[in-house]
Amino acid sequence: MALHNKVRFRAVSPIQIGSVVSGQRKVSSVSTLIFDGGTARDYLFVKNLGSPSVYVRPALTVGTTTGEVLAKGEFAVYEGYRGPLRGITAGGTVSVYYEVG
C-alpha cells in the first residue's frame, strides 16, 4: 500500500537515521530496477524528478498498465516493504529519486 503525496512524521533513533540509503536512477521505456530490495526497511520513498510520467511498482515486473503512475514532482511511500522497486515510462527517459530507511 502506498501513500501518495502525504507527509507523516515520527521519531527515529540515530541508528535508523544512519541506515538511510538514497540515490537516483534513470528510468526509460524498458523496465528498470530502481532499488533491489534486500533487508526489511521502515519505508521506501520514490519521487519523479521530471517528465515524462513514470510508472512504479514494488515487484519483479512493471508495465504502464500495472504500475502506479507518478507525474513530475509526485512521489509514493511504501511502508514496511521488502523487495525490489521497478519503474518504466511510456516513452522517453526520466530521473527518479529513491530513499529507503
N, C-alpha and C. Protein backbone atom coordinates (compact mmCIF):
# COMPACT_ATOMS: atom_id res chain seq x y z
N MET A 1 0.85 -1.17 0.00
CA MET A 1 0.00 0.00 0.00
C MET A 1 0.90 1.23 0.00
N ALA A 2 0.66 2.14 -0.87
CA ALA A 2 1.47 3.35 -0.98
C ALA A 2 0.71 4.56 -0.48
N LEU A 3 1.44 5.48 0.09
CA LEU A 3 0.88 6.77 0.46
C LEU A 3 1.37 7.77 -0.58
N HIS A 4 0.48 8.45 -1.22
CA HIS A 4 0.87 9.39 -2.26
C HIS A 4 0.80 10.82 -1.75
N ASN A 5 1.90 11.53 -1.92
CA ASN A 5 1.97 12.96 -1.64
C ASN A 5 1.44 13.32 -0.25
N LYS A 6 1.69 12.47 0.72
CA LYS A 6 1.33 12.75 2.09
C LYS A 6 2.59 12.70 2.93
N VAL A 7 2.68 13.54 3.91
CA VAL A 7 3.85 13.57 4.77
C VAL A 7 3.44 13.13 6.16
N ARG A 8 4.17 12.15 6.70
CA ARG A 8 3.93 11.71 8.06
C ARG A 8 5.25 11.79 8.80
N PHE A 9 5.22 12.29 10.00
CA PHE A 9 6.42 12.41 10.81
C PHE A 9 6.36 11.45 11.97
N ARG A 10 7.51 10.91 12.34
CA ARG A 10 7.61 10.10 13.53
C ARG A 10 9.05 10.16 14.03
N ALA A 11 9.22 9.90 15.30
CA ALA A 11 10.55 9.94 15.89
C ALA A 11 11.36 8.75 15.40
N VAL A 12 12.63 8.99 15.12
CA VAL A 12 13.53 7.90 14.74
C VAL A 12 14.79 8.00 15.58
N SER A 13 15.41 6.88 15.84
CA SER A 13 16.64 6.87 16.61
C SER A 13 17.81 7.20 15.70
N PRO A 14 18.95 7.62 16.24
CA PRO A 14 20.13 7.91 15.41
C PRO A 14 20.58 6.71 14.59
N ILE A 15 20.35 5.50 15.07
CA ILE A 15 20.75 4.31 14.31
C ILE A 15 19.92 4.21 13.03
N GLN A 16 18.63 4.49 13.12
CA GLN A 16 17.79 4.45 11.93
C GLN A 16 18.20 5.53 10.94
N ILE A 17 18.54 6.70 11.43
CA ILE A 17 18.96 7.78 10.54
C ILE A 17 20.22 7.38 9.79
N GLY A 18 21.14 6.70 10.46
CA GLY A 18 22.39 6.28 9.83
C GLY A 18 22.21 5.20 8.78
N SER A 19 21.07 4.54 8.75
CA SER A 19 20.87 3.45 7.81
C SER A 19 20.08 3.85 6.57
N VAL A 20 19.90 5.14 6.35
CA VAL A 20 19.18 5.62 5.17
C VAL A 20 20.07 5.48 3.94
N VAL A 21 19.49 4.93 2.88
CA VAL A 21 20.18 4.80 1.60
C VAL A 21 19.37 5.57 0.57
N SER A 22 20.03 6.38 -0.24
CA SER A 22 19.31 7.15 -1.26
C SER A 22 20.13 7.20 -2.54
N GLY A 23 19.46 7.59 -3.62
CA GLY A 23 20.13 7.71 -4.89
C GLY A 23 19.16 8.12 -5.99
N GLN A 24 19.68 8.16 -7.21
CA GLN A 24 18.86 8.48 -8.38
C GLN A 24 19.07 7.41 -9.43
N ARG A 25 18.03 7.17 -10.21
CA ARG A 25 18.11 6.24 -11.33
C ARG A 25 17.43 6.88 -12.54
N LYS A 26 17.93 6.58 -13.70
CA LYS A 26 17.26 6.98 -14.94
C LYS A 26 16.35 5.83 -15.35
N VAL A 27 15.09 6.16 -15.59
CA VAL A 27 14.09 5.17 -15.97
C VAL A 27 13.66 5.45 -17.40
N SER A 28 13.56 4.39 -18.20
CA SER A 28 13.19 4.54 -19.61
C SER A 28 11.99 3.65 -19.92
N SER A 29 11.76 3.43 -21.20
CA SER A 29 10.63 2.60 -21.64
C SER A 29 10.92 1.12 -21.50
N VAL A 30 12.05 0.78 -20.93
CA VAL A 30 12.40 -0.60 -20.61
C VAL A 30 12.35 -0.73 -19.09
N SER A 31 11.71 -1.76 -18.57
CA SER A 31 11.58 -1.97 -17.12
C SER A 31 12.94 -1.79 -16.44
N THR A 32 13.02 -0.89 -15.48
CA THR A 32 14.27 -0.51 -14.83
C THR A 32 14.20 -0.80 -13.33
N LEU A 33 15.24 -1.43 -12.80
CA LEU A 33 15.34 -1.66 -11.37
C LEU A 33 15.75 -0.36 -10.68
N ILE A 34 14.88 0.19 -9.83
CA ILE A 34 15.18 1.42 -9.11
C ILE A 34 15.90 1.09 -7.82
N PHE A 35 15.39 0.11 -7.08
CA PHE A 35 16.03 -0.34 -5.85
C PHE A 35 15.87 -1.85 -5.75
N ASP A 36 16.94 -2.54 -5.36
CA ASP A 36 16.92 -4.00 -5.39
C ASP A 36 16.33 -4.68 -4.16
N GLY A 37 15.92 -3.94 -3.18
CA GLY A 37 15.28 -4.55 -2.01
C GLY A 37 16.28 -4.97 -0.98
N GLY A 38 16.24 -6.21 -0.59
CA GLY A 38 17.14 -6.71 0.43
C GLY A 38 16.44 -6.81 1.77
N THR A 39 17.08 -6.31 2.79
CA THR A 39 16.52 -6.43 4.14
C THR A 39 15.28 -5.56 4.30
N ALA A 40 14.46 -5.91 5.29
CA ALA A 40 13.24 -5.14 5.56
C ALA A 40 13.60 -3.71 5.94
N ARG A 41 12.83 -2.79 5.46
CA ARG A 41 13.04 -1.37 5.74
C ARG A 41 11.77 -0.77 6.33
N ASP A 42 11.91 0.36 7.01
CA ASP A 42 10.74 1.06 7.53
C ASP A 42 9.92 1.67 6.40
N TYR A 43 10.63 2.18 5.38
CA TYR A 43 9.93 2.84 4.28
C TYR A 43 10.78 2.81 3.02
N LEU A 44 10.13 2.98 1.89
CA LEU A 44 10.78 3.19 0.60
C LEU A 44 10.06 4.36 -0.05
N PHE A 45 10.79 5.43 -0.34
CA PHE A 45 10.26 6.66 -0.91
C PHE A 45 10.77 6.77 -2.34
N VAL A 46 9.91 7.11 -3.28
CA VAL A 46 10.33 7.31 -4.67
C VAL A 46 9.63 8.55 -5.21
N LYS A 47 10.39 9.41 -5.93
CA LYS A 47 9.84 10.65 -6.48
C LYS A 47 10.28 10.83 -7.92
N ASN A 48 9.33 11.21 -8.77
CA ASN A 48 9.63 11.51 -10.17
C ASN A 48 10.20 12.93 -10.24
N LEU A 49 11.42 13.05 -10.75
CA LEU A 49 12.10 14.36 -10.80
C LEU A 49 11.85 15.13 -12.08
N GLY A 50 11.16 14.55 -13.03
CA GLY A 50 10.98 15.27 -14.29
C GLY A 50 9.82 14.77 -15.10
N SER A 51 9.97 14.88 -16.40
CA SER A 51 8.94 14.48 -17.34
C SER A 51 9.59 13.51 -18.31
N PRO A 52 8.96 12.45 -18.71
CA PRO A 52 7.55 12.08 -18.66
C PRO A 52 7.18 11.43 -17.32
N SER A 53 5.91 11.03 -17.23
CA SER A 53 5.44 10.29 -16.06
C SER A 53 6.17 8.96 -15.98
N VAL A 54 6.31 8.45 -14.77
CA VAL A 54 6.94 7.15 -14.55
C VAL A 54 5.93 6.25 -13.83
N TYR A 55 5.94 5.00 -14.20
CA TYR A 55 5.08 4.01 -13.57
C TYR A 55 5.96 3.17 -12.67
N VAL A 56 5.63 3.09 -11.39
CA VAL A 56 6.44 2.33 -10.45
C VAL A 56 5.61 1.21 -9.84
N ARG A 57 6.33 0.16 -9.46
CA ARG A 57 5.66 -0.98 -8.84
C ARG A 57 6.65 -1.73 -7.97
N PRO A 58 6.27 -1.99 -6.72
CA PRO A 58 7.14 -2.78 -5.85
C PRO A 58 6.97 -4.27 -6.17
N ALA A 59 7.65 -4.72 -7.21
CA ALA A 59 7.51 -6.10 -7.67
C ALA A 59 8.67 -6.42 -8.61
N LEU A 60 8.68 -7.64 -9.11
CA LEU A 60 9.72 -8.06 -10.05
C LEU A 60 9.49 -7.53 -11.45
N THR A 61 8.25 -7.17 -11.79
CA THR A 61 7.94 -6.65 -13.12
C THR A 61 7.07 -5.40 -12.98
N VAL A 62 7.07 -4.57 -14.01
CA VAL A 62 6.23 -3.38 -14.05
C VAL A 62 5.87 -3.09 -15.50
N GLY A 63 4.71 -2.52 -15.70
CA GLY A 63 4.27 -2.09 -17.02
C GLY A 63 3.45 -0.82 -16.88
N THR A 64 3.14 -0.20 -17.99
CA THR A 64 2.36 1.04 -17.93
C THR A 64 0.92 0.78 -17.52
N THR A 65 0.50 -0.47 -17.52
CA THR A 65 -0.86 -0.80 -17.05
C THR A 65 -0.87 -1.38 -15.64
N THR A 66 0.30 -1.78 -15.14
CA THR A 66 0.36 -2.40 -13.81
C THR A 66 1.01 -1.52 -12.75
N GLY A 67 1.73 -0.49 -13.16
CA GLY A 67 2.42 0.37 -12.20
C GLY A 67 1.57 1.54 -11.74
N GLU A 68 1.98 2.13 -10.62
CA GLU A 68 1.34 3.36 -10.12
C GLU A 68 1.99 4.54 -10.83
N VAL A 69 1.20 5.38 -11.44
CA VAL A 69 1.74 6.49 -12.23
C VAL A 69 2.13 7.65 -11.31
N LEU A 70 3.35 8.17 -11.54
CA LEU A 70 3.84 9.35 -10.84
C LEU A 70 4.19 10.40 -11.88
N ALA A 71 3.44 11.49 -11.90
CA ALA A 71 3.75 12.60 -12.80
C ALA A 71 4.92 13.39 -12.22
N LYS A 72 5.40 14.37 -12.94
CA LYS A 72 6.53 15.20 -12.50
C LYS A 72 6.27 15.74 -11.09
N GLY A 73 7.21 15.50 -10.18
CA GLY A 73 7.13 16.02 -8.82
C GLY A 73 6.32 15.16 -7.86
N GLU A 74 5.61 14.17 -8.35
CA GLU A 74 4.82 13.31 -7.47
C GLU A 74 5.70 12.23 -6.86
N PHE A 75 5.25 11.72 -5.70
CA PHE A 75 6.01 10.68 -5.03
C PHE A 75 5.09 9.65 -4.40
N ALA A 76 5.68 8.53 -4.02
CA ALA A 76 4.97 7.47 -3.31
C ALA A 76 5.86 6.98 -2.19
N VAL A 77 5.24 6.55 -1.11
CA VAL A 77 5.95 5.98 0.03
C VAL A 77 5.37 4.61 0.31
N TYR A 78 6.23 3.61 0.36
CA TYR A 78 5.82 2.25 0.69
C TYR A 78 6.37 1.94 2.07
N GLU A 79 5.49 1.71 3.02
CA GLU A 79 5.91 1.46 4.40
C GLU A 79 6.10 -0.03 4.63
N GLY A 80 7.21 -0.38 5.28
CA GLY A 80 7.48 -1.76 5.65
C GLY A 80 7.66 -2.70 4.47
N TYR A 81 8.03 -2.18 3.32
CA TYR A 81 8.16 -3.01 2.12
C TYR A 81 9.54 -3.65 2.05
N ARG A 82 9.58 -4.90 1.64
CA ARG A 82 10.84 -5.61 1.45
C ARG A 82 10.82 -6.23 0.05
N GLY A 83 11.70 -5.79 -0.79
CA GLY A 83 11.76 -6.33 -2.14
C GLY A 83 12.16 -5.26 -3.13
N PRO A 84 12.18 -5.61 -4.42
CA PRO A 84 12.62 -4.66 -5.44
C PRO A 84 11.54 -3.65 -5.80
N LEU A 85 11.99 -2.51 -6.31
CA LEU A 85 11.09 -1.49 -6.86
C LEU A 85 11.53 -1.26 -8.29
N ARG A 86 10.59 -1.37 -9.22
CA ARG A 86 10.89 -1.19 -10.64
C ARG A 86 10.09 -0.02 -11.19
N GLY A 87 10.58 0.56 -12.27
CA GLY A 87 9.90 1.66 -12.93
C GLY A 87 9.99 1.54 -14.44
N ILE A 88 9.08 2.25 -15.13
CA ILE A 88 9.06 2.26 -16.59
C ILE A 88 8.34 3.53 -17.04
N THR A 89 8.66 4.03 -18.22
CA THR A 89 7.93 5.15 -18.82
C THR A 89 7.22 4.65 -20.07
N ALA A 90 6.25 5.41 -20.54
CA ALA A 90 5.57 5.07 -21.79
C ALA A 90 6.45 5.45 -22.98
N GLY A 91 7.44 6.29 -22.76
CA GLY A 91 8.38 6.73 -23.79
C GLY A 91 9.27 7.81 -23.22
N GLY A 92 10.52 7.82 -23.60
CA GLY A 92 11.45 8.80 -23.07
C GLY A 92 12.13 8.30 -21.81
N THR A 93 12.95 9.18 -21.24
CA THR A 93 13.73 8.84 -20.04
C THR A 93 13.52 9.91 -18.99
N VAL A 94 13.45 9.49 -17.73
CA VAL A 94 13.25 10.42 -16.62
C VAL A 94 14.09 9.95 -15.44
N SER A 95 14.53 10.90 -14.62
CA SER A 95 15.26 10.57 -13.39
C SER A 95 14.29 10.47 -12.23
N VAL A 96 14.51 9.48 -11.37
CA VAL A 96 13.73 9.34 -10.15
C VAL A 96 14.70 9.31 -8.97
N TYR A 97 14.23 9.85 -7.86
CA TYR A 97 14.99 9.82 -6.61
C TYR A 97 14.37 8.75 -5.73
N TYR A 98 15.20 7.97 -5.07
CA TYR A 98 14.67 6.99 -4.13
C TYR A 98 15.40 7.11 -2.80
N GLU A 99 14.71 6.72 -1.75
CA GLU A 99 15.30 6.74 -0.41
C GLU A 99 14.66 5.60 0.38
N VAL A 100 15.49 4.83 1.06
CA VAL A 100 14.98 3.77 1.92
C VAL A 100 15.61 3.91 3.29
N GLY A 101 14.84 3.62 4.29
CA GLY A 101 15.35 3.75 5.66
C GLY A 101 14.61 2.85 6.60
